[in-house]
Amino acid sequence: MKNELRDRRENEGLSQADLAAAVGVTRQTINAIERDRYDPSIELAFKLARYFDCHIEDLFHPAFEEEELRE
């Protein structure tokens, strides 16, 4: 799953540690999400979206193509 987490975090002037503390995870978890090495749980995705005052879909994007949705 692709995500916009790093861009959002950097635009807010936050470190990975700052964001991690705000949503109750480790800095390593934020790092892994930003590097597309870990997909967050639904609960964490909601926490992140709530923190950035946006929808989950604004932060996370499926890795499949639009064409696959139409099949």
N, C-alpha and C. Protein backbone atom coordinates (compact mmCIF):
# COMPACT_ATOMS: atom_id res chain seq x y z
N MET A 1 0.84 -1.17 0.00
CA MET A 1 0.00 0.00 0.00
C MET A 1 0.89 1.24 0.00
N LYS A 2 0.60 2.16 -0.87
CA LYS A 2 1.35 3.42 -0.93
C LYS A 2 0.74 4.39 0.08
N ASN A 3 1.55 5.35 0.52
CA ASN A 3 1.01 6.31 1.48
C ASN A 3 1.65 7.68 1.35
N GLU A 4 0.98 8.65 1.93
CA GLU A 4 1.42 10.05 1.92
C GLU A 4 1.91 10.49 3.30
N LEU A 5 2.19 9.54 4.16
CA LEU A 5 2.50 9.85 5.55
C LEU A 5 3.73 10.75 5.69
N ARG A 6 4.79 10.42 5.00
CA ARG A 6 6.02 11.22 5.13
C ARG A 6 5.78 12.67 4.71
N ASP A 7 5.09 12.87 3.59
CA ASP A 7 4.81 14.23 3.12
C ASP A 7 3.98 15.00 4.14
N ARG A 8 2.94 14.36 4.65
CA ARG A 8 2.09 15.02 5.66
C ARG A 8 2.90 15.37 6.90
N ARG A 9 3.69 14.42 7.37
CA ARG A 9 4.49 14.63 8.58
C ARG A 9 5.48 15.77 8.39
N GLU A 10 6.19 15.75 7.28
CA GLU A 10 7.19 16.79 7.02
C GLU A 10 6.54 18.16 6.84
N ASN A 11 5.37 18.20 6.20
CA ASN A 11 4.66 19.47 6.03
C ASN A 11 4.25 20.07 7.37
N GLU A 12 4.03 19.23 8.36
CA GLU A 12 3.67 19.69 9.70
C GLU A 12 4.91 20.00 10.54
N GLY A 13 6.09 19.71 10.00
CA GLY A 13 7.33 19.96 10.74
C GLY A 13 7.56 18.98 11.88
N LEU A 14 7.03 17.76 11.74
CA LEU A 14 7.15 16.75 12.78
C LEU A 14 8.26 15.77 12.48
N SER A 15 8.92 15.30 13.51
CA SER A 15 9.85 14.19 13.35
C SER A 15 9.04 12.90 13.41
N GLN A 16 9.67 11.81 13.03
CA GLN A 16 9.01 10.51 13.16
C GLN A 16 8.69 10.23 14.62
N ALA A 17 9.58 10.60 15.50
CA ALA A 17 9.37 10.38 16.93
C ALA A 17 8.18 11.20 17.45
N ASP A 18 8.05 12.43 16.98
CA ASP A 18 6.92 13.28 17.39
C ASP A 18 5.60 12.64 16.99
N LEU A 19 5.51 12.20 15.73
CA LEU A 19 4.27 11.60 15.25
C LEU A 19 4.00 10.29 15.97
N ALA A 20 5.03 9.50 16.17
CA ALA A 20 4.87 8.23 16.87
C ALA A 20 4.30 8.45 18.27
N ALA A 21 4.83 9.41 18.99
CA ALA A 21 4.35 9.70 20.35
C ALA A 21 2.90 10.16 20.32
N ALA A 22 2.54 10.93 19.31
CA ALA A 22 1.18 11.47 19.21
C ALA A 22 0.14 10.38 18.97
N VAL A 23 0.53 9.31 18.27
CA VAL A 23 -0.44 8.25 17.96
C VAL A 23 -0.18 6.96 18.74
N GLY A 24 0.82 6.96 19.61
CA GLY A 24 1.04 5.83 20.50
C GLY A 24 1.74 4.63 19.91
N VAL A 25 2.70 4.88 19.00
CA VAL A 25 3.51 3.79 18.44
C VAL A 25 4.97 4.18 18.54
N THR A 26 5.86 3.33 18.06
CA THR A 26 7.28 3.64 18.09
C THR A 26 7.69 4.40 16.83
N ARG A 27 8.83 5.06 16.93
CA ARG A 27 9.38 5.74 15.76
C ARG A 27 9.64 4.75 14.64
N GLN A 28 10.07 3.55 15.00
CA GLN A 28 10.35 2.52 14.00
C GLN A 28 9.10 2.13 13.23
N THR A 29 7.95 2.15 13.89
CA THR A 29 6.69 1.85 13.19
C THR A 29 6.39 2.91 12.15
N ILE A 30 6.55 4.17 12.51
CA ILE A 30 6.32 5.26 11.55
C ILE A 30 7.29 5.13 10.39
N ASN A 31 8.54 4.84 10.69
CA ASN A 31 9.55 4.68 9.65
C ASN A 31 9.17 3.54 8.69
N ALA A 32 8.74 2.42 9.24
CA ALA A 32 8.36 1.27 8.41
C ALA A 32 7.16 1.59 7.53
N ILE A 33 6.19 2.32 8.06
CA ILE A 33 5.02 2.70 7.25
C ILE A 33 5.46 3.61 6.11
N GLU A 34 6.27 4.61 6.43
CA GLU A 34 6.72 5.56 5.40
C GLU A 34 7.53 4.88 4.30
N ARG A 35 8.24 3.82 4.63
CA ARG A 35 9.06 3.12 3.64
C ARG A 35 8.30 1.98 2.96
N ASP A 36 6.99 1.92 3.17
CA ASP A 36 6.14 0.88 2.57
C ASP A 36 6.58 -0.52 2.97
N ARG A 37 7.10 -0.66 4.18
CA ARG A 37 7.52 -1.97 4.69
C ARG A 37 6.51 -2.55 5.67
N TYR A 38 5.52 -1.74 6.03
CA TYR A 38 4.53 -2.16 7.01
C TYR A 38 3.22 -1.44 6.73
N ASP A 39 2.14 -2.19 6.64
CA ASP A 39 0.82 -1.60 6.50
C ASP A 39 0.21 -1.51 7.89
N PRO A 40 -0.24 -0.31 8.27
CA PRO A 40 -0.78 -0.16 9.62
C PRO A 40 -2.10 -0.89 9.80
N SER A 41 -2.41 -1.18 11.05
CA SER A 41 -3.73 -1.73 11.35
C SER A 41 -4.78 -0.68 11.02
N ILE A 42 -6.02 -1.11 10.93
CA ILE A 42 -7.11 -0.16 10.69
C ILE A 42 -7.15 0.87 11.81
N GLU A 43 -6.98 0.41 13.02
CA GLU A 43 -7.00 1.32 14.17
C GLU A 43 -5.92 2.39 14.05
N LEU A 44 -4.70 2.01 13.70
CA LEU A 44 -3.62 2.97 13.55
C LEU A 44 -3.86 3.89 12.36
N ALA A 45 -4.38 3.36 11.27
CA ALA A 45 -4.69 4.19 10.10
C ALA A 45 -5.70 5.27 10.48
N PHE A 46 -6.72 4.90 11.27
CA PHE A 46 -7.70 5.89 11.73
C PHE A 46 -7.05 6.92 12.64
N LYS A 47 -6.17 6.50 13.53
CA LYS A 47 -5.48 7.45 14.41
C LYS A 47 -4.65 8.45 13.61
N LEU A 48 -3.95 7.94 12.61
CA LEU A 48 -3.13 8.83 11.78
C LEU A 48 -4.00 9.81 10.99
N ALA A 49 -5.08 9.31 10.42
CA ALA A 49 -5.98 10.19 9.68
C ALA A 49 -6.59 11.24 10.60
N ARG A 50 -6.99 10.82 11.79
CA ARG A 50 -7.56 11.76 12.77
C ARG A 50 -6.52 12.82 13.14
N TYR A 51 -5.28 12.38 13.34
CA TYR A 51 -4.22 13.32 13.72
C TYR A 51 -4.04 14.39 12.64
N PHE A 52 -4.07 13.97 11.38
CA PHE A 52 -3.87 14.91 10.27
C PHE A 52 -5.18 15.52 9.77
N ASP A 53 -6.29 15.21 10.47
CA ASP A 53 -7.60 15.75 10.14
C ASP A 53 -7.95 15.52 8.67
N CYS A 54 -7.85 14.25 8.27
CA CYS A 54 -8.16 13.88 6.90
C CYS A 54 -8.79 12.49 6.88
N HIS A 55 -9.17 12.05 5.72
CA HIS A 55 -9.71 10.70 5.55
C HIS A 55 -8.56 9.71 5.39
N ILE A 56 -8.79 8.48 5.76
CA ILE A 56 -7.79 7.43 5.58
C ILE A 56 -7.33 7.38 4.12
N GLU A 57 -8.28 7.52 3.21
CA GLU A 57 -7.96 7.45 1.78
C GLU A 57 -7.04 8.58 1.32
N ASP A 58 -6.97 9.67 2.11
CA ASP A 58 -6.05 10.75 1.79
C ASP A 58 -4.62 10.39 2.16
N LEU A 59 -4.45 9.45 3.07
CA LEU A 59 -3.12 9.03 3.51
C LEU A 59 -2.63 7.75 2.85
N PHE A 60 -3.55 6.82 2.63
CA PHE A 60 -3.17 5.49 2.15
C PHE A 60 -3.87 5.15 0.84
N HIS A 61 -3.10 4.57 -0.08
CA HIS A 61 -3.61 4.23 -1.41
C HIS A 61 -3.26 2.78 -1.72
N PRO A 62 -4.23 2.02 -2.19
CA PRO A 62 -3.93 0.63 -2.56
C PRO A 62 -2.87 0.57 -3.66
N ALA A 63 -2.11 -0.48 -3.68
CA ALA A 63 -1.03 -0.63 -4.66
C ALA A 63 -1.54 -1.08 -6.03
N PHE A 64 -2.82 -1.52 -6.11
CA PHE A 64 -3.32 -1.98 -7.39
C PHE A 64 -3.76 -0.82 -8.26
N GLU A 65 -3.89 -1.09 -9.53
CA GLU A 65 -4.25 -0.08 -10.52
C GLU A 65 -5.76 0.08 -10.61
N GLU A 66 -6.21 1.21 -11.11
CA GLU A 66 -7.63 1.47 -11.32
C GLU A 66 -8.28 0.39 -12.20
N GLU A 67 -7.56 -0.08 -13.20
CA GLU A 67 -8.10 -1.09 -14.10
C GLU A 67 -8.53 -2.36 -13.35
N GLU A 68 -7.80 -2.72 -12.33
CA GLU A 68 -8.12 -3.91 -11.56
C GLU A 68 -9.46 -3.78 -10.86
N LEU A 69 -9.86 -2.56 -10.54
CA LEU A 69 -11.14 -2.34 -9.88
C LEU A 69 -12.31 -2.61 -10.81
N ARG A 70 -12.12 -2.42 -12.08
CA ARG A 70 -13.20 -2.55 -13.06
C ARG A 70 -13.44 -3.98 -13.48
N GLU A 71 -12.51 -4.86 -13.20
CA GLU A 71 -12.63 -6.26 -13.64
C GLU A 71 -13.61 -7.05 -12.83
